[in-house]
């Protein structure tokens, strides 16, 4: 009887230990699975930056200034880039990388600086201002008077379509001569405005200092 009780106790203990084995094994499986997921999304920030530099070496300074973070394979990029072409290329390159699950695009395109035609226009305007100022220096004492106002009114009447051009002209009077300087779009406008000035009441002498654009 005593042996039977001992045998029953032994069997019960073995059963309990057997029940615990799956629990321990199950926990190990879960941890291993989590590690596998982390490895699958294991692209590093440095990998991303190196890939961008290799793909676009000319944008080295811009790429090095971009802030790149990684959250479980989701790459976030923050910072400023020079233009929309660079912006689109960087985002596209990262999206095409292995193990990158997605891209959060927080890049901003820097405002375009005034280039090319805009700079040329500014230079032309500055040149025109310089020409006007030079004209005033060449004609000391010349200023705007009632006669200069009359000349401008005569021009506006004869050539209303050139009102913007006329308003930009430098028309001065030294008491004996009307000086007209500035830029006109073509020779026809040049001659028409000069004729209007010459026929203005009270005007005897007109100094033509107009220049045709492009000449």
N, C-alpha and C. Protein backbone atom coordinates (compact mmCIF):
# COMPACT_ATOMS: atom_id res chain seq x y z
N UNK A 1 0.84 -1.20 0.00
CA UNK A 1 0.00 0.00 0.00
C UNK A 1 0.87 1.24 0.00
N UNK A 2 1.89 1.20 0.84
CA UNK A 2 2.81 2.36 0.92
C UNK A 2 3.51 2.56 -0.41
N UNK A 3 3.91 1.47 -1.06
CA UNK A 3 4.58 1.58 -2.37
C UNK A 3 3.65 2.17 -3.42
N UNK A 4 2.38 1.84 -3.31
CA UNK A 4 1.39 2.35 -4.28
C UNK A 4 1.25 3.85 -4.14
N UNK A 5 1.26 4.32 -2.89
CA UNK A 5 1.13 5.78 -2.65
C UNK A 5 2.34 6.51 -3.19
N UNK A 6 3.56 5.97 -2.99
CA UNK A 6 4.79 6.59 -3.50
C UNK A 6 4.79 6.64 -5.02
N UNK A 7 4.32 5.55 -5.64
CA UNK A 7 4.27 5.51 -7.11
C UNK A 7 3.31 6.55 -7.64
N UNK A 8 2.17 6.72 -6.98
CA UNK A 8 1.19 7.72 -7.42
C UNK A 8 1.76 9.12 -7.30
N UNK A 9 2.51 9.38 -6.21
CA UNK A 9 3.10 10.71 -6.02
C UNK A 9 4.13 11.00 -7.09
N UNK A 10 4.92 10.00 -7.44
CA UNK A 10 5.95 10.18 -8.47
C UNK A 10 5.34 10.51 -9.82
N UNK A 11 4.27 9.78 -10.16
CA UNK A 11 3.59 10.01 -11.44
C UNK A 11 3.00 11.41 -11.50
N UNK A 12 2.44 11.86 -10.35
CA UNK A 12 1.84 13.20 -10.30
C UNK A 12 2.90 14.28 -10.51
N UNK A 13 4.06 14.13 -9.87
CA UNK A 13 5.15 15.09 -10.02
C UNK A 13 5.64 15.15 -11.46
N UNK A 14 5.77 14.01 -12.11
CA UNK A 14 6.21 13.97 -13.49
C UNK A 14 5.21 14.66 -14.41
N UNK A 15 3.94 14.51 -14.12
CA UNK A 15 2.89 15.14 -14.93
C UNK A 15 2.98 16.66 -14.83
N UNK A 16 3.24 17.16 -13.63
CA UNK A 16 3.34 18.61 -13.42
C UNK A 16 4.52 19.19 -14.20
N UNK A 17 5.66 18.51 -14.16
CA UNK A 17 6.84 18.98 -14.88
C UNK A 17 6.61 18.96 -16.38
N UNK A 18 5.90 17.96 -16.85
CA UNK A 18 5.60 17.87 -18.28
C UNK A 18 4.73 19.03 -18.74
N UNK A 19 3.77 19.45 -17.89
CA UNK A 19 2.88 20.56 -18.23
C UNK A 19 3.63 21.87 -18.34
N UNK A 20 4.72 22.04 -17.58
CA UNK A 20 5.46 23.30 -17.59
C UNK A 20 6.33 23.46 -18.83
N UNK A 21 6.75 22.37 -19.45
CA UNK A 21 7.65 22.42 -20.59
C UNK A 21 7.09 23.23 -21.75
N UNK A 22 5.83 23.05 -22.18
CA UNK A 22 5.28 23.84 -23.29
C UNK A 22 5.27 25.32 -22.98
N UNK A 23 4.97 25.69 -21.67
CA UNK A 23 4.91 27.11 -21.33
C UNK A 23 6.25 27.77 -21.54
N UNK A 24 7.32 27.09 -21.04
CA UNK A 24 8.66 27.66 -21.19
C UNK A 24 9.05 27.73 -22.66
N UNK A 25 8.73 26.71 -23.39
CA UNK A 25 9.06 26.64 -24.81
C UNK A 25 8.30 27.72 -25.58
N UNK A 26 7.05 27.94 -25.22
CA UNK A 26 6.24 28.97 -25.89
C UNK A 26 6.82 30.34 -25.67
N UNK A 27 7.29 30.65 -24.46
CA UNK A 27 7.89 31.96 -24.20
C UNK A 27 9.11 32.17 -25.05
N UNK A 28 9.94 31.20 -25.20
CA UNK A 28 11.15 31.31 -26.01
C UNK A 28 10.80 31.57 -27.47
N UNK A 29 9.78 30.94 -27.97
CA UNK A 29 9.36 31.12 -29.35
C UNK A 29 8.91 32.55 -29.59
N UNK A 30 8.19 33.14 -28.67
CA UNK A 30 7.69 34.51 -28.81
C UNK A 30 8.84 35.51 -28.87
N UNK A 31 9.82 35.31 -27.98
CA UNK A 31 10.97 36.22 -27.95
C UNK A 31 11.76 36.11 -29.24
N UNK A 32 11.95 34.87 -29.69
CA UNK A 32 12.69 34.66 -30.93
C UNK A 32 11.99 35.31 -32.10
N UNK A 33 10.67 35.24 -32.13
CA UNK A 33 9.90 35.86 -33.20
C UNK A 33 10.07 37.37 -33.19
N UNK A 34 10.08 38.00 -32.02
CA UNK A 34 10.25 39.44 -31.93
C UNK A 34 11.61 39.84 -32.45
N UNK A 35 12.64 39.05 -32.13
CA UNK A 35 13.98 39.36 -32.61
C UNK A 35 14.04 39.27 -34.12
N UNK A 36 13.35 38.30 -34.69
CA UNK A 36 13.36 38.15 -36.14
C UNK A 36 12.74 39.36 -36.80
N UNK A 37 11.65 39.91 -36.22
CA UNK A 37 11.00 41.10 -36.79
C UNK A 37 11.95 42.29 -36.77
N UNK A 38 12.67 42.43 -35.66
CA UNK A 38 13.61 43.54 -35.54
C UNK A 38 14.70 43.41 -36.59
N UNK A 39 15.16 42.21 -36.85
CA UNK A 39 16.20 42.01 -37.85
C UNK A 39 15.70 42.32 -39.24
N UNK A 40 14.45 41.99 -39.52
CA UNK A 40 13.88 42.22 -40.84
C UNK A 40 13.78 43.70 -41.15
N UNK A 41 13.63 44.55 -40.12
CA UNK A 41 13.50 45.99 -40.35
C UNK A 41 14.77 46.71 -39.91
N UNK A 42 15.90 45.99 -39.94
CA UNK A 42 17.13 46.50 -39.34
C UNK A 42 17.93 47.43 -40.22
N UNK A 43 17.34 48.21 -41.14
CA UNK A 43 18.08 49.20 -41.90
C UNK A 43 18.51 50.32 -40.96
N UNK A 44 19.75 50.72 -41.05
CA UNK A 44 20.26 51.75 -40.13
C UNK A 44 20.21 53.12 -40.78
N UNK A 45 20.24 54.13 -39.93
CA UNK A 45 20.25 55.51 -40.41
C UNK A 45 21.50 55.76 -41.26
N UNK A 46 22.61 55.17 -40.84
CA UNK A 46 23.86 55.35 -41.58
C UNK A 46 23.77 54.74 -42.97
N UNK A 47 23.08 53.57 -43.07
CA UNK A 47 22.89 52.95 -44.38
C UNK A 47 22.12 53.88 -45.30
N UNK A 48 21.09 54.50 -44.75
CA UNK A 48 20.26 55.41 -45.54
C UNK A 48 21.10 56.57 -46.05
N UNK A 49 21.88 57.17 -45.16
CA UNK A 49 22.67 58.34 -45.55
C UNK A 49 23.72 57.97 -46.60
N UNK A 50 24.39 56.82 -46.39
CA UNK A 50 25.41 56.37 -47.35
C UNK A 50 24.80 56.13 -48.72
N UNK A 51 23.62 55.51 -48.73
CA UNK A 51 22.93 55.24 -50.01
C UNK A 51 22.61 56.54 -50.73
N UNK A 52 22.12 57.53 -49.99
CA UNK A 52 21.80 58.83 -50.60
C UNK A 52 23.05 59.50 -51.15
N UNK A 53 24.14 59.44 -50.41
CA UNK A 53 25.40 60.06 -50.85
C UNK A 53 25.94 59.39 -52.11
N UNK A 54 25.81 58.05 -52.16
CA UNK A 54 26.28 57.32 -53.34
C UNK A 54 25.41 57.65 -54.56
N UNK A 55 24.12 57.82 -54.31
CA UNK A 55 23.19 58.08 -55.40
C UNK A 55 23.29 59.52 -55.89
N UNK A 56 23.58 60.45 -54.98
CA UNK A 56 23.59 61.87 -55.33
C UNK A 56 24.80 62.57 -54.69
N UNK A 57 26.00 62.25 -55.13
CA UNK A 57 27.20 62.82 -54.51
C UNK A 57 27.29 64.33 -54.61
N UNK A 58 26.68 64.91 -55.64
CA UNK A 58 26.74 66.37 -55.80
C UNK A 58 25.96 67.10 -54.71
N UNK A 59 25.08 66.39 -54.03
CA UNK A 59 24.26 67.00 -52.96
C UNK A 59 24.78 66.63 -51.58
N UNK A 60 26.08 66.39 -51.47
CA UNK A 60 26.68 65.93 -50.22
C UNK A 60 26.34 66.83 -49.04
N UNK A 61 26.51 68.14 -49.20
CA UNK A 61 26.27 69.07 -48.09
C UNK A 61 24.81 69.03 -47.66
N UNK A 62 23.91 68.97 -48.63
CA UNK A 62 22.48 68.94 -48.31
C UNK A 62 22.12 67.66 -47.58
N UNK A 63 22.60 66.52 -48.09
CA UNK A 63 22.29 65.22 -47.49
C UNK A 63 22.83 65.13 -46.06
N UNK A 64 24.04 65.63 -45.85
CA UNK A 64 24.63 65.59 -44.50
C UNK A 64 23.90 66.48 -43.52
N UNK A 65 23.17 67.48 -44.03
CA UNK A 65 22.42 68.38 -43.14
C UNK A 65 21.02 67.86 -42.83
N UNK A 66 20.56 66.85 -43.60
CA UNK A 66 19.23 66.29 -43.39
C UNK A 66 19.21 65.42 -42.13
N UNK A 67 18.18 65.57 -41.32
CA UNK A 67 18.01 64.75 -40.12
C UNK A 67 17.25 63.48 -40.51
N UNK A 68 17.85 62.31 -40.27
CA UNK A 68 17.25 61.03 -40.64
C UNK A 68 17.03 60.20 -39.39
N UNK A 69 15.81 59.70 -39.20
CA UNK A 69 15.51 58.82 -38.07
C UNK A 69 14.81 57.56 -38.59
N UNK A 70 14.91 56.49 -37.79
CA UNK A 70 14.33 55.21 -38.19
C UNK A 70 13.46 54.67 -37.05
N UNK A 71 12.22 54.37 -37.35
CA UNK A 71 11.30 53.78 -36.36
C UNK A 71 10.73 52.50 -36.96
N UNK A 72 11.37 51.36 -36.62
CA UNK A 72 10.91 50.05 -37.10
C UNK A 72 10.78 49.99 -38.61
N UNK A 73 11.78 50.55 -39.30
CA UNK A 73 11.78 50.49 -40.75
C UNK A 73 11.08 51.65 -41.42
N UNK A 74 10.47 52.54 -40.66
CA UNK A 74 9.85 53.76 -41.20
C UNK A 74 10.88 54.88 -41.09
N UNK A 75 11.35 55.37 -42.22
CA UNK A 75 12.40 56.39 -42.25
C UNK A 75 11.77 57.77 -42.33
N UNK A 76 12.16 58.64 -41.41
CA UNK A 76 11.70 60.03 -41.42
C UNK A 76 12.88 60.93 -41.79
N UNK A 77 12.63 61.86 -42.74
CA UNK A 77 13.66 62.81 -43.15
C UNK A 77 13.17 64.23 -42.94
N UNK A 78 13.98 65.02 -42.23
CA UNK A 78 13.64 66.42 -41.95
C UNK A 78 14.79 67.32 -42.35
N UNK A 79 14.46 68.49 -42.86
CA UNK A 79 15.50 69.45 -43.23
C UNK A 79 15.11 70.22 -44.48
N UNK A 80 16.10 70.91 -45.07
CA UNK A 80 15.85 71.73 -46.25
C UNK A 80 16.72 71.24 -47.40
N UNK A 81 16.14 71.28 -48.60
CA UNK A 81 16.88 70.91 -49.81
C UNK A 81 16.81 72.07 -50.79
N UNK A 82 17.68 72.03 -51.81
CA UNK A 82 17.82 73.18 -52.71
C UNK A 82 16.65 73.35 -53.68
N UNK A 83 16.10 72.24 -54.14
CA UNK A 83 15.06 72.34 -55.17
C UNK A 83 14.17 71.11 -55.14
N UNK A 84 13.10 71.17 -55.92
CA UNK A 84 12.11 70.08 -55.92
C UNK A 84 12.68 68.80 -56.52
N UNK A 85 13.60 68.92 -57.48
CA UNK A 85 14.20 67.73 -58.10
C UNK A 85 15.00 66.95 -57.06
N UNK A 86 15.79 67.66 -56.26
CA UNK A 86 16.56 66.99 -55.20
C UNK A 86 15.63 66.36 -54.19
N UNK A 87 14.59 67.09 -53.80
CA UNK A 87 13.59 66.60 -52.84
C UNK A 87 13.00 65.28 -53.30
N UNK A 88 12.49 65.26 -54.52
CA UNK A 88 11.83 64.05 -55.05
C UNK A 88 12.81 62.89 -55.17
N UNK A 89 14.05 63.19 -55.57
CA UNK A 89 15.05 62.14 -55.76
C UNK A 89 15.45 61.49 -54.44
N UNK A 90 15.62 62.28 -53.39
CA UNK A 90 16.00 61.73 -52.09
C UNK A 90 14.90 60.82 -51.54
N UNK A 91 13.67 61.28 -51.62
CA UNK A 91 12.55 60.48 -51.12
C UNK A 91 12.40 59.19 -51.90
N UNK A 92 12.52 59.27 -53.23
CA UNK A 92 12.38 58.09 -54.09
C UNK A 92 13.49 57.07 -53.81
N UNK A 93 14.71 57.57 -53.59
CA UNK A 93 15.84 56.67 -53.34
C UNK A 93 15.64 55.89 -52.05
N UNK A 94 15.20 56.57 -50.99
CA UNK A 94 15.00 55.89 -49.70
C UNK A 94 13.85 54.89 -49.80
N UNK A 95 12.79 55.24 -50.49
CA UNK A 95 11.66 54.32 -50.63
C UNK A 95 12.06 53.04 -51.36
N UNK A 96 13.06 53.14 -52.24
CA UNK A 96 13.48 51.97 -53.00
C UNK A 96 14.49 51.09 -52.29
N UNK A 97 14.88 51.46 -51.07
CA UNK A 97 15.87 50.67 -50.35
C UNK A 97 15.25 49.40 -49.75
N UNK A 98 16.01 48.29 -49.73
CA UNK A 98 15.52 47.07 -49.07
C UNK A 98 15.31 47.33 -47.58
N UNK A 99 14.30 46.70 -47.00
CA UNK A 99 13.99 46.76 -45.57
C UNK A 99 13.42 48.10 -45.11
N UNK A 100 13.20 49.00 -46.06
CA UNK A 100 12.53 50.26 -45.70
C UNK A 100 11.03 50.06 -45.93
N UNK A 101 10.27 50.18 -44.86
CA UNK A 101 8.82 49.93 -44.95
C UNK A 101 8.04 51.15 -45.39
N UNK A 102 8.61 52.32 -45.19
CA UNK A 102 7.91 53.54 -45.57
C UNK A 102 8.78 54.75 -45.31
N UNK A 103 8.37 55.90 -45.87
CA UNK A 103 9.13 57.14 -45.71
C UNK A 103 8.18 58.24 -45.25
N UNK A 104 8.55 58.91 -44.17
CA UNK A 104 7.82 60.10 -43.72
C UNK A 104 8.60 61.30 -44.25
N UNK A 105 8.03 61.98 -45.21
CA UNK A 105 8.72 63.08 -45.89
C UNK A 105 8.41 64.41 -45.20
N UNK A 106 9.38 64.93 -44.47
CA UNK A 106 9.24 66.23 -43.82
C UNK A 106 10.29 67.21 -44.36
N UNK A 107 10.78 66.94 -45.56
CA UNK A 107 11.75 67.83 -46.19
C UNK A 107 11.05 69.07 -46.74
N UNK A 108 11.75 70.18 -46.71
CA UNK A 108 11.22 71.44 -47.25
C UNK A 108 12.16 71.95 -48.33
N UNK A 109 11.56 72.47 -49.40
CA UNK A 109 12.35 73.04 -50.48
C UNK A 109 12.67 74.48 -50.15
N UNK A 110 13.96 74.84 -50.19
CA UNK A 110 14.37 76.20 -49.88
C UNK A 110 13.80 77.16 -50.91
N UNK A 111 13.45 78.40 -50.51
CA UNK A 111 12.95 79.39 -51.47
C UNK A 111 13.95 79.61 -52.57
N UNK A 112 13.44 79.72 -53.77
CA UNK A 112 14.34 79.91 -54.91
C UNK A 112 15.00 81.29 -54.82
N UNK A 113 16.30 81.29 -55.05
CA UNK A 113 17.01 82.56 -55.07
C UNK A 113 16.84 83.19 -56.45
N UNK A 114 16.92 84.49 -56.46
CA UNK A 114 16.74 85.21 -57.72
C UNK A 114 17.92 84.90 -58.63
N UNK A 115 17.64 84.26 -59.76
CA UNK A 115 18.70 83.85 -60.66
C UNK A 115 18.36 84.27 -62.08
N UNK A 116 19.33 84.13 -62.98
CA UNK A 116 19.11 84.26 -64.40
C UNK A 116 18.42 85.54 -64.82
N UNK A 117 17.19 85.36 -65.37
CA UNK A 117 16.46 86.49 -65.93
C UNK A 117 16.16 87.54 -64.86
N UNK A 118 15.85 87.08 -63.65
CA UNK A 118 15.53 88.03 -62.58
C UNK A 118 16.73 88.91 -62.26
N UNK A 119 17.92 88.30 -62.20
CA UNK A 119 19.12 89.07 -61.93
C UNK A 119 19.40 90.02 -63.08
N UNK A 120 19.16 89.54 -64.32
CA UNK A 120 19.37 90.40 -65.48
C UNK A 120 18.46 91.60 -65.44
N UNK A 121 17.19 91.37 -65.05
CA UNK A 121 16.23 92.46 -64.97
C UNK A 121 16.66 93.47 -63.91
N UNK A 122 17.12 92.95 -62.76
CA UNK A 122 17.55 93.84 -61.71
C UNK A 122 18.75 94.67 -62.17
N UNK A 123 19.68 94.00 -62.91
CA UNK A 123 20.83 94.74 -63.41
C UNK A 123 20.42 95.82 -64.39
N UNK A 124 19.42 95.51 -65.25
CA UNK A 124 18.94 96.51 -66.20
C UNK A 124 18.31 97.68 -65.49
N UNK A 125 17.52 97.39 -64.45
CA UNK A 125 16.89 98.46 -63.68
C UNK A 125 17.93 99.35 -63.01
N UNK A 126 18.97 98.68 -62.45
CA UNK A 126 20.02 99.45 -61.81
C UNK A 126 20.76 100.30 -62.83
N UNK A 127 20.95 99.73 -64.04
CA UNK A 127 21.61 100.48 -65.09
C UNK A 127 20.81 101.69 -65.49
N UNK A 128 19.47 101.50 -65.56
CA UNK A 128 18.59 102.62 -65.92
C UNK A 128 18.66 103.71 -64.85
N UNK A 129 18.64 103.30 -63.58
CA UNK A 129 18.73 104.26 -62.50
C UNK A 129 20.05 105.03 -62.59
N UNK A 130 21.13 104.28 -62.89
CA UNK A 130 22.42 104.93 -63.01
C UNK A 130 22.42 105.94 -64.13
N UNK A 131 21.77 105.58 -65.26
CA UNK A 131 21.69 106.48 -66.40
C UNK A 131 20.93 107.75 -66.05
N UNK A 132 19.82 107.58 -65.32
CA UNK A 132 19.02 108.73 -64.92
C UNK A 132 19.81 109.64 -63.99
N UNK A 133 20.50 109.02 -63.03
CA UNK A 133 21.29 109.82 -62.10
C UNK A 133 22.40 110.55 -62.82
N UNK A 134 23.03 109.89 -63.81
CA UNK A 134 24.08 110.52 -64.59
C UNK A 134 23.54 111.71 -65.37
N UNK A 135 22.30 111.53 -65.88
CA UNK A 135 21.69 112.64 -66.62
C UNK A 135 21.49 113.86 -65.74
N UNK A 136 21.07 113.65 -64.50
CA UNK A 136 20.89 114.76 -63.58
C UNK A 136 22.22 115.43 -63.27
N UNK A 137 23.28 114.62 -63.18
CA UNK A 137 24.60 115.19 -62.90
C UNK A 137 25.09 116.01 -64.09
N UNK A 138 24.74 115.59 -65.31
CA UNK A 138 25.19 116.30 -66.50
C UNK A 138 24.43 117.60 -66.72
N UNK A 139 23.26 117.70 -66.08
CA UNK A 139 22.43 118.89 -66.26
C UNK A 139 22.13 119.53 -64.91
N UNK A 140 23.13 120.12 -64.26
CA UNK A 140 22.90 120.74 -62.95
C UNK A 140 21.85 121.82 -63.03
N UNK A 141 20.97 121.82 -62.05
CA UNK A 141 19.90 122.82 -62.01
C UNK A 141 18.64 122.38 -62.72
N UNK A 142 18.74 121.31 -63.52
CA UNK A 142 17.55 120.81 -64.22
C UNK A 142 16.64 120.10 -63.23
N UNK A 143 15.36 120.39 -63.32
CA UNK A 143 14.41 119.80 -62.39
C UNK A 143 13.04 119.68 -63.07
N UNK A 144 12.08 119.19 -62.34
CA UNK A 144 10.73 119.08 -62.90
C UNK A 144 10.03 120.42 -62.72
N UNK A 145 9.33 120.82 -63.76
CA UNK A 145 8.62 122.11 -63.74
C UNK A 145 7.26 121.93 -64.39
N UNK A 146 6.55 123.03 -64.54
CA UNK A 146 5.26 122.99 -65.22
C UNK A 146 5.44 122.55 -66.66
N UNK A 147 6.57 122.93 -67.24
CA UNK A 147 6.80 122.54 -68.64
C UNK A 147 7.07 121.03 -68.76
N UNK A 148 7.76 120.46 -67.80
CA UNK A 148 7.98 119.01 -67.87
C UNK A 148 6.66 118.25 -67.70
N UNK A 149 5.80 118.79 -66.85
CA UNK A 149 4.47 118.17 -66.67
C UNK A 149 3.67 118.27 -67.96
N UNK A 150 3.81 119.40 -68.66
CA UNK A 150 3.09 119.59 -69.92
C UNK A 150 3.61 118.64 -70.99
N UNK A 151 4.93 118.42 -70.98
CA UNK A 151 5.52 117.48 -71.94
C UNK A 151 5.00 116.07 -71.69
N UNK A 152 4.95 115.68 -70.44
CA UNK A 152 4.46 114.34 -70.13
C UNK A 152 3.00 114.19 -70.52
N UNK A 153 2.20 115.22 -70.27
CA UNK A 153 0.78 115.17 -70.63
C UNK A 153 0.61 115.05 -72.14
N UNK A 154 1.45 115.77 -72.89
CA UNK A 154 1.38 115.70 -74.34
C UNK A 154 1.73 114.30 -74.84
N UNK A 155 2.73 113.70 -74.23
CA UNK A 155 3.12 112.32 -74.60
C UNK A 155 1.98 111.35 -74.32
N UNK A 156 1.37 111.48 -73.15
CA UNK A 156 0.28 110.59 -72.76
C UNK A 156 -0.89 110.71 -73.73
N UNK A 157 -1.15 111.93 -74.18
CA UNK A 157 -2.27 112.16 -75.10
C UNK A 157 -2.00 111.52 -76.45
N UNK A 158 -0.75 111.68 -76.95
CA UNK A 158 -0.41 111.16 -78.27
C UNK A 158 -0.12 109.66 -78.28
N UNK A 159 0.33 109.14 -77.15
CA UNK A 159 0.74 107.73 -77.09
C UNK A 159 0.23 107.08 -75.81
N UNK A 160 -1.09 106.96 -75.64
CA UNK A 160 -1.65 106.43 -74.39
C UNK A 160 -1.24 104.98 -74.11
N UNK A 161 -0.94 104.22 -75.16
CA UNK A 161 -0.55 102.81 -74.94
C UNK A 161 0.85 102.70 -74.33
N UNK A 162 1.59 103.81 -74.34
CA UNK A 162 2.95 103.78 -73.79
C UNK A 162 3.01 104.48 -72.43
N UNK A 163 1.90 104.49 -71.72
CA UNK A 163 1.83 105.21 -70.44
C UNK A 163 2.86 104.72 -69.43
N UNK A 164 3.07 103.40 -69.36
CA UNK A 164 4.04 102.86 -68.40
C UNK A 164 5.46 103.31 -68.75
N UNK A 165 5.76 103.33 -70.04
CA UNK A 165 7.09 103.78 -70.50
C UNK A 165 7.27 105.26 -70.17
N UNK A 166 6.25 106.06 -70.45
CA UNK A 166 6.33 107.51 -70.22
C UNK A 166 6.52 107.82 -68.74
N UNK A 167 5.82 107.10 -67.88
CA UNK A 167 5.94 107.35 -66.44
C UNK A 167 7.34 107.04 -65.91
N UNK A 168 8.07 106.18 -66.63
CA UNK A 168 9.42 105.82 -66.19
C UNK A 168 10.49 106.75 -66.74
N UNK A 169 10.12 107.65 -67.63
CA UNK A 169 11.11 108.56 -68.23
C UNK A 169 11.55 109.62 -67.22
N UNK A 170 12.77 110.10 -67.42
CA UNK A 170 13.28 111.21 -66.62
C UNK A 170 13.19 112.47 -67.48
N UNK A 171 12.23 113.33 -67.15
CA UNK A 171 12.01 114.57 -67.91
C UNK A 171 12.34 115.74 -66.99
N UNK A 172 13.35 116.54 -67.35
CA UNK A 172 13.78 117.68 -66.52
C UNK A 172 13.91 118.94 -67.36
N UNK A 173 13.97 120.06 -66.68
CA UNK A 173 13.96 121.37 -67.33
C UNK A 173 14.98 122.27 -66.62
N UNK A 174 15.91 122.84 -67.40
CA UNK A 174 16.87 123.76 -66.79
C UNK A 174 16.52 125.22 -67.03
N UNK A 175 15.32 125.43 -67.58
CA UNK A 175 14.85 126.79 -67.85
C UNK A 175 14.88 127.14 -69.31
N UNK A 176 15.74 126.50 -70.06
CA UNK A 176 15.81 126.76 -71.50
C UNK A 176 15.62 125.49 -72.32
N UNK A 177 16.01 124.36 -71.75
CA UNK A 177 15.97 123.09 -72.50
C UNK A 177 15.26 122.01 -71.68
N UNK A 178 14.45 121.21 -72.39
CA UNK A 178 13.82 120.03 -71.78
C UNK A 178 14.71 118.83 -72.09
N UNK A 179 15.13 118.12 -71.04
CA UNK A 179 15.95 116.92 -71.20
C UNK A 179 15.08 115.69 -70.98
N UNK A 180 15.12 114.77 -71.92
CA UNK A 180 14.31 113.55 -71.82
C UNK A 180 15.23 112.35 -71.87
N UNK A 181 15.26 111.56 -70.79
CA UNK A 181 16.10 110.37 -70.74
C UNK A 181 15.30 109.16 -70.30
N UNK A 182 15.80 107.98 -70.67
CA UNK A 182 15.13 106.74 -70.28
C UNK A 182 15.19 105.71 -71.39
N UNK A 183 14.45 104.62 -71.19
CA UNK A 183 14.44 103.51 -72.14
C UNK A 183 13.06 103.40 -72.79
N UNK A 184 13.04 103.26 -74.12
CA UNK A 184 11.79 103.04 -74.85
C UNK A 184 11.86 101.69 -75.56
N UNK A 185 10.72 101.05 -75.82
CA UNK A 185 10.74 99.68 -76.38
C UNK A 185 11.16 99.58 -77.83
N UNK A 186 10.93 100.66 -78.62
CA UNK A 186 11.25 100.58 -80.05
C UNK A 186 11.45 101.99 -80.61
N UNK A 187 11.92 102.04 -81.85
CA UNK A 187 12.23 103.32 -82.49
C UNK A 187 10.96 104.12 -82.77
N UNK A 188 9.87 103.44 -83.09
CA UNK A 188 8.61 104.15 -83.37
C UNK A 188 8.14 104.92 -82.13
N UNK A 189 8.22 104.27 -80.97
CA UNK A 189 7.84 104.95 -79.73
C UNK A 189 8.80 106.10 -79.44
N UNK A 190 10.07 105.88 -79.68
CA UNK A 190 11.10 106.91 -79.49
C UNK A 190 10.74 108.18 -80.26
N UNK A 191 10.49 108.02 -81.54
CA UNK A 191 10.20 109.19 -82.38
C UNK A 191 8.88 109.85 -82.02
N UNK A 192 7.87 109.04 -81.67
CA UNK A 192 6.55 109.58 -81.32
C UNK A 192 6.63 110.43 -80.05
N UNK A 193 7.36 109.95 -79.04
CA UNK A 193 7.47 110.69 -77.78
C UNK A 193 8.29 111.96 -77.97
N UNK A 194 9.33 111.87 -78.76
CA UNK A 194 10.16 113.04 -79.03
C UNK A 194 9.35 114.12 -79.75
N UNK A 195 8.55 113.71 -80.71
CA UNK A 195 7.70 114.65 -81.45
C UNK A 195 6.67 115.31 -80.53
N UNK A 196 6.10 114.52 -79.61
CA UNK A 196 5.13 115.07 -78.67
C UNK A 196 5.78 116.14 -77.78
N UNK A 197 7.01 115.89 -77.35
CA UNK A 197 7.72 116.85 -76.50
C UNK A 197 8.01 118.14 -77.26
N UNK A 198 8.44 117.99 -78.51
CA UNK A 198 8.83 119.15 -79.30
C UNK A 198 7.66 120.08 -79.62
N UNK A 199 6.46 119.53 -79.71
CA UNK A 199 5.31 120.36 -80.06
C UNK A 199 4.56 120.89 -78.84
N UNK A 200 5.04 120.57 -77.64
CA UNK A 200 4.38 121.03 -76.43
C UNK A 200 4.51 122.55 -76.31
N UNK A 201 3.42 123.22 -75.98
CA UNK A 201 3.39 124.67 -75.84
C UNK A 201 4.42 125.14 -74.82
N UNK A 202 5.23 126.13 -75.22
CA UNK A 202 6.23 126.69 -74.32
C UNK A 202 7.58 126.00 -74.39
N UNK A 203 7.67 124.90 -75.14
CA UNK A 203 8.93 124.16 -75.26
C UNK A 203 9.62 124.57 -76.56
N UNK A 204 10.86 125.04 -76.44
CA UNK A 204 11.63 125.45 -77.63
C UNK A 204 12.76 124.47 -77.94
N UNK A 205 13.40 124.00 -76.90
CA UNK A 205 14.55 123.11 -77.09
C UNK A 205 14.31 121.78 -76.36
N UNK A 206 14.58 120.68 -77.05
CA UNK A 206 14.46 119.34 -76.45
C UNK A 206 15.77 118.60 -76.64
N UNK A 207 16.33 118.14 -75.54
CA UNK A 207 17.55 117.32 -75.59
C UNK A 207 17.15 115.85 -75.52
N UNK A 208 17.35 115.13 -76.61
CA UNK A 208 16.94 113.72 -76.71
C UNK A 208 18.02 112.83 -76.11
N UNK A 209 17.71 112.20 -74.97
CA UNK A 209 18.64 111.27 -74.34
C UNK A 209 17.98 109.90 -74.17
N UNK A 210 16.94 109.67 -74.99
CA UNK A 210 16.23 108.38 -74.94
C UNK A 210 17.07 107.30 -75.62
N UNK A 211 16.93 106.08 -75.12
CA UNK A 211 17.61 104.93 -75.70
C UNK A 211 16.59 103.84 -76.03
N UNK A 212 16.75 103.24 -77.20
CA UNK A 212 15.85 102.16 -77.60
C UNK A 212 16.34 100.87 -76.96
N UNK A 213 15.44 100.13 -76.33
CA UNK A 213 15.78 98.90 -75.65
C UNK A 213 16.48 97.92 -76.59
N UNK A 214 17.61 97.38 -76.15
CA UNK A 214 18.35 96.42 -76.95
C UNK A 214 19.42 97.04 -77.81
N UNK A 215 19.41 98.35 -77.94
CA UNK A 215 20.44 99.03 -78.75
C UNK A 215 21.59 99.53 -77.89
